[in-house]
Amino acid sequence: MASVLLIEDEALIQMMIADMLAELGHTVVAEASDLPSALEHATNTEFDFAVLDVLLGRASSEPVAVILTERNIPFAFASGYGAEGIPDGFQDRPLLTKPFQIDQLERCIAKLIDRS
């Protein structure tokens, strides 16, 4: 299906999302749990779409969202805080509210792939 960049700072949640993506037939080609790694992958790795945690520790993932937008790569935010944590200018992006189920992830991916 599609290749995915997964950016999530909580190890258990990262594994859960990676498992869901695999179950849906997608391949996680890169994972990051901190901002420097996320920026590196967002800049240099080839993938079809990304799932991007809004907060990586105390750091906002907004710089990663900017890179993905510049590269014209679709992405969705994942957040346990709802839409209020989404960086300014990115409110139009799909949001997965944690914890989410596999069917919610599947619908979100369908929107991402449809947009691209």
C-alpha atoms as a PDB file:
ATOM      1  CA  MET A   1       0.000   0.000   0.000  1.00  0.00           C
ATOM      2  CA  ALA A   2       1.767   3.161   1.226  1.00  0.00           C
ATOM      3  CA  SER A   3       4.993   4.012   3.037  1.00  0.00           C
ATOM      4  CA  VAL A   4       4.698   5.959   6.280  1.00  0.00           C
ATOM      5  CA  LEU A   5       6.795   8.210   8.499  1.00  0.00           C
ATOM      6  CA  LEU A   6       5.613   7.721  12.096  1.00  0.00           C
ATOM      7  CA  ILE A   7       6.524  10.408  14.622  1.00  0.00           C
ATOM      8  CA  GLU A   8       5.441   9.665  18.191  1.00  0.00           C
ATOM      9  CA  ASP A   9       7.316  10.249  21.456  1.00  0.00           C
ATOM     10  CA  GLU A  10       5.565   7.600  23.583  1.00  0.00           C
ATOM     11  CA  ALA A  11       7.157   4.207  22.845  1.00  0.00           C
ATOM     12  CA  LEU A  12       4.057   2.097  23.554  1.00  0.00           C
ATOM     13  CA  ILE A  13       1.816   4.347  21.460  1.00  0.00           C
ATOM     14  CA  GLN A  14       4.417   4.337  18.681  1.00  0.00           C
ATOM     15  CA  MET A  15       4.410   0.524  18.652  1.00  0.00           C
ATOM     16  CA  MET A  16       0.605   0.391  18.722  1.00  0.00           C
ATOM     17  CA  ILE A  17       0.280   2.806  15.771  1.00  0.00           C
ATOM     18  CA  ALA A  18       3.001   0.948  13.832  1.00  0.00           C
ATOM     19  CA  ASP A  19       1.119  -2.319  14.387  1.00  0.00           C
ATOM     20  CA  MET A  20      -2.153  -0.738  13.200  1.00  0.00           C
ATOM     21  CA  LEU A  21      -0.448   0.646  10.083  1.00  0.00           C
ATOM     22  CA  ALA A  22       1.013  -2.780   9.308  1.00  0.00           C
ATOM     23  CA  GLU A  23      -2.382  -4.418   9.834  1.00  0.00           C
ATOM     24  CA  LEU A  24      -3.825  -1.947   7.310  1.00  0.00           C
ATOM     25  CA  GLY A  25      -1.138  -2.991   4.820  1.00  0.00           C
ATOM     26  CA  HIS A  26       1.147   0.037   5.095  1.00  0.00           C
ATOM     27  CA  THR A  27       4.908   0.021   5.692  1.00  0.00           C
ATOM     28  CA  VAL A  28       6.492   2.220   8.345  1.00  0.00           C
ATOM     29  CA  VAL A  29       9.745   3.253   6.658  1.00  0.00           C
ATOM     30  CA  ALA A  30      10.965   5.517   9.465  1.00  0.00           C
ATOM     31  CA  GLU A  31      10.076   6.335  13.056  1.00  0.00           C
ATOM     32  CA  ALA A  32      11.112   9.219  15.273  1.00  0.00           C
ATOM     33  CA  SER A  33      10.415  10.046  18.891  1.00  0.00           C
ATOM     34  CA  ASP A  34      12.190  13.399  19.219  1.00  0.00           C
ATOM     35  CA  LEU A  35      12.299  16.614  17.223  1.00  0.00           C
ATOM     36  CA  PRO A  36      15.856  16.300  15.785  1.00  0.00           C
ATOM     37  CA  SER A  37      15.169  12.783  14.444  1.00  0.00           C
ATOM     38  CA  ALA A  38      11.751  13.843  13.162  1.00  0.00           C
ATOM     39  CA  LEU A  39      13.275  16.800  11.289  1.00  0.00           C
ATOM     40  CA  GLU A  40      15.955  14.543   9.785  1.00  0.00           C
ATOM     41  CA  HIS A  41      13.405  12.021   8.496  1.00  0.00           C
ATOM     42  CA  ALA A  42      10.956  14.706   7.351  1.00  0.00           C
ATOM     43  CA  THR A  43      13.736  16.259   5.280  1.00  0.00           C
ATOM     44  CA  ASN A  44      15.596  13.218   3.915  1.00  0.00           C
ATOM     45  CA  THR A  45      13.360  10.136   3.942  1.00  0.00           C
ATOM     46  CA  GLU A  46      11.012   9.136   1.115  1.00  0.00           C
ATOM     47  CA  PHE A  47       7.466   8.191   2.208  1.00  0.00           C
ATOM     48  CA  ASP A  48       3.869   8.623   1.050  1.00  0.00           C
ATOM     49  CA  PHE A  49       2.344  10.142   4.197  1.00  0.00           C
ATOM     50  CA  ALA A  50       3.115  10.795   7.853  1.00  0.00           C
ATOM     51  CA  VAL A  51       1.435  10.492  11.231  1.00  0.00           C
ATOM     52  CA  LEU A  52       2.770  13.294  13.385  1.00  0.00           C
ATOM     53  CA  ASP A  53       2.407  13.598  17.159  1.00  0.00           C
ATOM     54  CA  VAL A  54       1.630  17.238  18.005  1.00  0.00           C
ATOM     55  CA  LEU A  55       4.050  17.327  20.946  1.00  0.00           C
ATOM     56  CA  LEU A  56       7.397  15.557  21.098  1.00  0.00           C
ATOM     57  CA  GLY A  57       8.227  15.826  24.762  1.00  0.00           C
ATOM     58  CA  ARG A  58       7.976  19.571  25.329  1.00  0.00           C
ATOM     59  CA  ALA A  59       8.750  20.465  21.708  1.00  0.00           C
ATOM     60  CA  SER A  60       6.076  21.291  19.164  1.00  0.00           C
ATOM     61  CA  SER A  61       6.188  19.253  15.985  1.00  0.00           C
ATOM     62  CA  GLU A  62       5.300  22.386  13.978  1.00  0.00           C
ATOM     63  CA  PRO A  63       8.755  22.571  12.273  1.00  0.00           C
ATOM     64  CA  VAL A  64       8.176  19.027  10.978  1.00  0.00           C
ATOM     65  CA  ALA A  65       4.718  19.995   9.691  1.00  0.00           C
ATOM     66  CA  VAL A  66       6.290  22.927   7.835  1.00  0.00           C
ATOM     67  CA  ILE A  67       8.816  20.628   6.111  1.00  0.00           C
ATOM     68  CA  LEU A  68       6.124  18.105   5.158  1.00  0.00           C
ATOM     69  CA  THR A  69       3.993  20.923   3.745  1.00  0.00           C
ATOM     70  CA  GLU A  70       6.949  22.265   1.730  1.00  0.00           C
ATOM     71  CA  ARG A  71       7.572  18.741   0.383  1.00  0.00           C
ATOM     72  CA  ASN A  72       3.859  18.391  -0.402  1.00  0.00           C
ATOM     73  CA  ILE A  73       3.627  15.201   1.669  1.00  0.00           C
ATOM     74  CA  PRO A  74       0.231  14.567   3.280  1.00  0.00           C
ATOM     75  CA  PHE A  75       0.139  14.093   7.045  1.00  0.00           C
ATOM     76  CA  ALA A  76      -2.219  13.831   9.960  1.00  0.00           C
ATOM     77  CA  PHE A  77      -1.654  15.029  13.486  1.00  0.00           C
ATOM     78  CA  ALA A  78      -2.150  12.733  16.467  1.00  0.00           C
ATOM     79  CA  SER A  79      -2.881  14.307  19.827  1.00  0.00           C
ATOM     80  CA  GLY A  80      -4.302  13.457  23.198  1.00  0.00           C
ATOM     81  CA  TYR A  81      -5.236  17.111  23.686  1.00  0.00           C
ATOM     82  CA  GLY A  82      -7.699  17.561  20.844  1.00  0.00           C
ATOM     83  CA  ALA A  83      -7.726  20.257  18.197  1.00  0.00           C
ATOM     84  CA  GLU A  84      -6.554  23.051  20.514  1.00  0.00           C
ATOM     85  CA  GLY A  85      -2.961  21.776  20.358  1.00  0.00           C
ATOM     86  CA  ILE A  86      -2.727  21.963  16.569  1.00  0.00           C
ATOM     87  CA  PRO A  87      -0.186  24.614  15.480  1.00  0.00           C
ATOM     88  CA  ASP A  88      -1.563  27.785  13.862  1.00  0.00           C
ATOM     89  CA  GLY A  89      -2.003  27.423  10.138  1.00  0.00           C
ATOM     90  CA  PHE A  90      -2.494  23.656  10.273  1.00  0.00           C
ATOM     91  CA  GLN A  91      -6.069  23.402  11.556  1.00  0.00           C
ATOM     92  CA  ASP A  92      -7.139  22.027   8.168  1.00  0.00           C
ATOM     93  CA  ARG A  93      -5.041  18.892   8.661  1.00  0.00           C
ATOM     94  CA  PRO A  94      -6.691  15.658   9.785  1.00  0.00           C
ATOM     95  CA  LEU A  95      -6.509  14.986  13.518  1.00  0.00           C
ATOM     96  CA  LEU A  96      -6.428  11.610  15.226  1.00  0.00           C
ATOM     97  CA  THR A  97      -7.430  12.058  18.862  1.00  0.00           C
ATOM     98  CA  LYS A  98      -5.514   9.613  21.036  1.00  0.00           C
ATOM     99  CA  PRO A  99      -6.383   6.977  21.910  1.00  0.00           C
ATOM    100  CA  PHE A 100      -7.831   6.103  18.505  1.00  0.00           C
ATOM    101  CA  GLN A 101      -9.011   2.849  16.996  1.00  0.00           C
ATOM    102  CA  ILE A 102      -7.780   1.196  13.806  1.00  0.00           C
ATOM    103  CA  ASP A 103     -10.956   2.135  11.898  1.00  0.00           C
ATOM    104  CA  GLN A 104     -10.381   5.817  12.735  1.00  0.00           C
ATOM    105  CA  LEU A 105      -6.799   5.507  11.469  1.00  0.00           C
ATOM    106  CA  GLU A 106      -8.019   3.810   8.300  1.00  0.00           C
ATOM    107  CA  ARG A 107     -10.527   6.606   7.570  1.00  0.00           C
ATOM    108  CA  CYS A 108      -7.868   9.229   8.237  1.00  0.00           C
ATOM    109  CA  ILE A 109      -5.419   7.558   5.831  1.00  0.00           C
ATOM    110  CA  ALA A 110      -8.128   7.386   3.174  1.00  0.00           C
ATOM    111  CA  LYS A 111      -8.584  11.170   3.506  1.00  0.00           C
ATOM    112  CA  LEU A 112      -4.828  11.752   3.296  1.00  0.00           C
ATOM    113  CA  ILE A 113      -4.374   9.607   0.213  1.00  0.00           C
ATOM    114  CA  ASP A 114      -7.457  11.136  -1.414  1.00  0.00           C
ATOM    115  CA  ARG A 115      -6.023  14.648  -0.905  1.00  0.00           C
ATOM    116  CA  SER A 116      -2.661  13.877  -2.496  1.00  0.00           C
END
